[in-house]
């Protein structure tokens, strides 16, 4: 009887270990991967009618995402309300070397407050990308007359 209990305990432990090690049935990211879709968040650098450029979080270089002529109406409407220097989250699908945009959402990290960090880059001589010590990069435009103040903008460039 004692041997049977030991075997049963060992069997139950092995079964539990196997169950805990197996992945959940399906995660959202896995479902997207099965469709060939990927998600990324970052800062919208530039936007035109048929493409956008986004610098993804953790990446050094911005990437171009194509907007198809037959894109979903929701995507087209969303693009109208999002401007350069906005944080965005997007879904895309790789098509050879290009990336086809499927959805985009504006992403707001912090509504108000003070940010201390390093100016990564000045874009269009108007807005800056700032990387705080902890957290994600975000974009900011100088307030009021500072935009036309060449000394102020030169200080931002470092």
Protein backbone atom coordinates (compact mmCIF):
# COMPACT_ATOMS: atom_id res chain seq x y z
CA UNK A 1 0.00 0.00 0.00
CA UNK A 2 2.84 2.37 0.86
CA UNK A 3 4.48 1.75 -2.55
CA UNK A 4 1.20 2.46 -4.30
CA UNK A 5 0.82 5.80 -2.49
CA UNK A 6 4.40 6.76 -3.40
CA UNK A 7 3.83 5.88 -7.05
CA UNK A 8 0.50 7.72 -7.09
CA UNK A 9 2.08 10.82 -5.51
CA UNK A 10 4.90 10.77 -8.06
CA UNK A 11 2.43 10.26 -10.92
CA UNK A 12 0.23 13.18 -9.74
CA UNK A 13 3.28 15.45 -9.37
CA UNK A 14 4.45 14.58 -12.91
CA UNK A 15 0.95 15.17 -14.31
CA UNK A 16 0.65 18.52 -12.53
CA UNK A 17 4.09 19.57 -13.79
CA UNK A 18 3.09 18.67 -17.37
CA UNK A 19 -0.16 20.64 -17.12
CA UNK A 20 1.56 23.72 -15.69
CA UNK A 21 4.27 23.64 -18.34
CA UNK A 22 1.87 23.49 -21.28
CA UNK A 23 0.94 26.87 -22.78
CA UNK A 24 -2.58 28.27 -22.42
CA UNK A 25 -5.00 27.30 -25.16
CA UNK A 26 -4.52 30.49 -27.19
CA UNK A 27 -3.19 33.91 -26.28
CA UNK A 28 -4.13 37.02 -28.25
CA UNK A 29 -0.54 37.49 -29.45
CA UNK A 30 -0.44 33.90 -30.66
CA UNK A 31 -3.73 34.38 -32.52
CA UNK A 32 -2.31 37.51 -34.18
CA UNK A 33 0.87 35.62 -35.07
CA UNK A 34 -1.23 32.89 -36.69
CA UNK A 35 -2.83 35.58 -38.87
CA UNK A 36 0.63 36.97 -39.63
CA UNK A 37 -0.16 40.18 -37.78
CA UNK A 38 2.17 42.01 -35.42
CA UNK A 39 1.63 44.87 -33.00
CA UNK A 40 3.96 47.72 -32.15
CA UNK A 41 3.77 50.95 -30.16
CA UNK A 42 5.85 54.07 -30.69
CA UNK A 43 5.89 57.67 -31.91
CA UNK A 44 4.37 58.74 -35.23
CA UNK A 45 7.16 60.61 -37.03
CA UNK A 46 5.52 61.42 -40.35
CA UNK A 47 2.19 60.78 -42.08
CA UNK A 48 1.14 60.93 -45.73
CA UNK A 49 -1.98 59.67 -47.53
CA UNK A 50 -0.59 56.22 -48.29
CA UNK A 51 2.06 55.66 -45.59
CA UNK A 52 3.20 56.54 -42.09
CA UNK A 53 6.57 56.40 -40.37
CA UNK A 54 6.70 55.21 -36.75
CA UNK A 55 9.67 54.91 -34.40
CA UNK A 56 8.79 51.86 -32.31
CA UNK A 57 9.61 51.67 -28.62
CA UNK A 58 13.09 50.26 -28.10
CA UNK A 59 14.11 50.72 -31.75
CA UNK A 60 16.76 53.15 -33.00
CA UNK A 61 15.33 53.75 -36.47
CA UNK A 62 11.83 54.62 -37.65
CA UNK A 63 9.98 52.25 -40.02
CA UNK A 64 7.53 52.96 -42.86
CA UNK A 65 4.07 51.32 -42.79
CA UNK A 66 1.94 51.35 -45.93
CA UNK A 67 -1.73 52.33 -45.99
CA UNK A 68 -3.51 50.44 -48.78
CA UNK A 69 -5.92 52.13 -51.18
CA UNK A 70 -8.62 49.67 -50.11
CA UNK A 71 -7.95 50.04 -46.36
CA UNK A 72 -10.71 49.64 -43.79
CA UNK A 73 -12.82 52.78 -43.24
CA UNK A 74 -12.02 52.68 -39.49
CA UNK A 75 -8.30 52.89 -40.29
CA UNK A 76 -8.78 55.80 -42.68
CA UNK A 77 -10.89 57.69 -40.11
CA UNK A 78 -8.41 56.98 -37.29
CA UNK A 79 -5.52 58.33 -39.38
CA UNK A 80 -7.37 61.65 -39.82
CA UNK A 81 -7.30 62.29 -36.07
CA UNK A 82 -3.68 61.31 -35.38
CA UNK A 83 -0.85 63.75 -36.02
CA UNK A 84 2.94 63.71 -36.02
CA UNK A 85 4.46 63.48 -32.53
CA UNK A 86 1.58 61.29 -31.30
CA UNK A 87 2.18 58.02 -29.46
CA UNK A 88 0.45 55.27 -31.38
CA UNK A 89 -0.21 51.56 -31.20
CA UNK A 90 -0.61 49.82 -34.51
CA UNK A 91 -1.25 46.42 -36.04
CA UNK A 92 0.46 45.49 -39.28
CA UNK A 93 1.23 42.55 -41.51
CA UNK A 94 4.52 41.98 -43.32
CA UNK A 95 4.21 41.77 -47.08
CA UNK A 96 7.68 40.92 -48.38
CA UNK A 97 9.93 43.77 -47.28
CA UNK A 98 7.05 46.17 -46.63
CA UNK A 99 4.63 46.43 -43.71
CA UNK A 100 0.92 46.85 -44.41
CA UNK A 101 -0.96 48.85 -41.76
CA UNK A 102 -4.25 47.34 -40.50
CA UNK A 103 -5.13 49.45 -37.47
CA UNK A 104 -3.86 52.43 -35.51
CA UNK A 105 -4.82 53.91 -32.15
CA UNK A 106 -3.58 57.01 -30.40
CA UNK A 107 -1.87 56.04 -27.15
CA UNK A 108 -1.83 58.51 -24.24
CA UNK A 109 0.77 57.76 -21.56
CA UNK A 110 0.38 60.73 -19.25
CA UNK A 111 -2.23 63.48 -19.38
CA UNK A 112 -0.25 66.15 -17.52
CA UNK A 113 2.77 66.71 -15.33
CA UNK A 114 6.50 67.24 -15.63
CA UNK A 115 8.82 64.96 -17.56
CA UNK A 116 12.56 64.82 -16.99
CA UNK A 117 14.66 62.95 -19.49
CA UNK A 118 17.02 63.07 -22.43
CA UNK A 119 16.08 64.73 -25.71
CA UNK A 120 16.62 61.98 -28.27
CA UNK A 121 15.94 64.05 -31.38
CA UNK A 122 14.34 67.27 -32.61
CA UNK A 123 11.91 66.69 -35.51
CA UNK A 124 10.78 69.22 -38.12
CA UNK A 125 12.46 71.95 -36.03
CA UNK A 126 9.28 71.88 -33.95
CA UNK A 127 8.80 68.87 -31.66
CA UNK A 128 11.13 66.69 -29.62
CA UNK A 129 11.36 63.04 -28.67
CA UNK A 130 12.18 62.70 -24.95
CA UNK A 131 13.32 59.49 -23.26
CA UNK A 132 12.71 59.61 -19.48
CA UNK A 133 15.01 57.68 -17.15
CA UNK A 134 12.21 55.16 -16.54
CA UNK A 135 9.48 54.61 -19.08
CA UNK A 136 8.76 54.99 -22.77
CA UNK A 137 9.81 57.81 -25.07
CA UNK A 138 7.19 60.39 -25.84
CA UNK A 139 6.94 63.49 -28.04
CA UNK A 140 6.47 67.09 -26.97
CA UNK A 141 6.07 70.40 -28.77
CA UNK A 142 7.49 73.57 -27.19
CA UNK A 143 4.91 75.83 -25.63
CA UNK A 144 3.96 79.19 -27.12
CA UNK A 145 6.74 81.43 -28.42
CA UNK A 146 9.52 78.90 -27.70
CA UNK A 147 8.90 77.34 -31.11
CA UNK A 148 10.28 80.47 -32.79
CA UNK A 149 13.05 80.95 -30.21
CA UNK A 150 16.20 79.70 -31.97
CA UNK A 151 18.24 79.71 -28.73
CA UNK A 152 15.63 77.54 -26.99
CA UNK A 153 15.50 75.06 -29.86
CA UNK A 154 19.32 74.94 -30.07
CA UNK A 155 19.45 74.02 -26.35
CA UNK A 156 17.10 71.13 -27.02
CA UNK A 157 19.35 69.81 -29.77
CA UNK A 158 22.18 69.74 -27.23
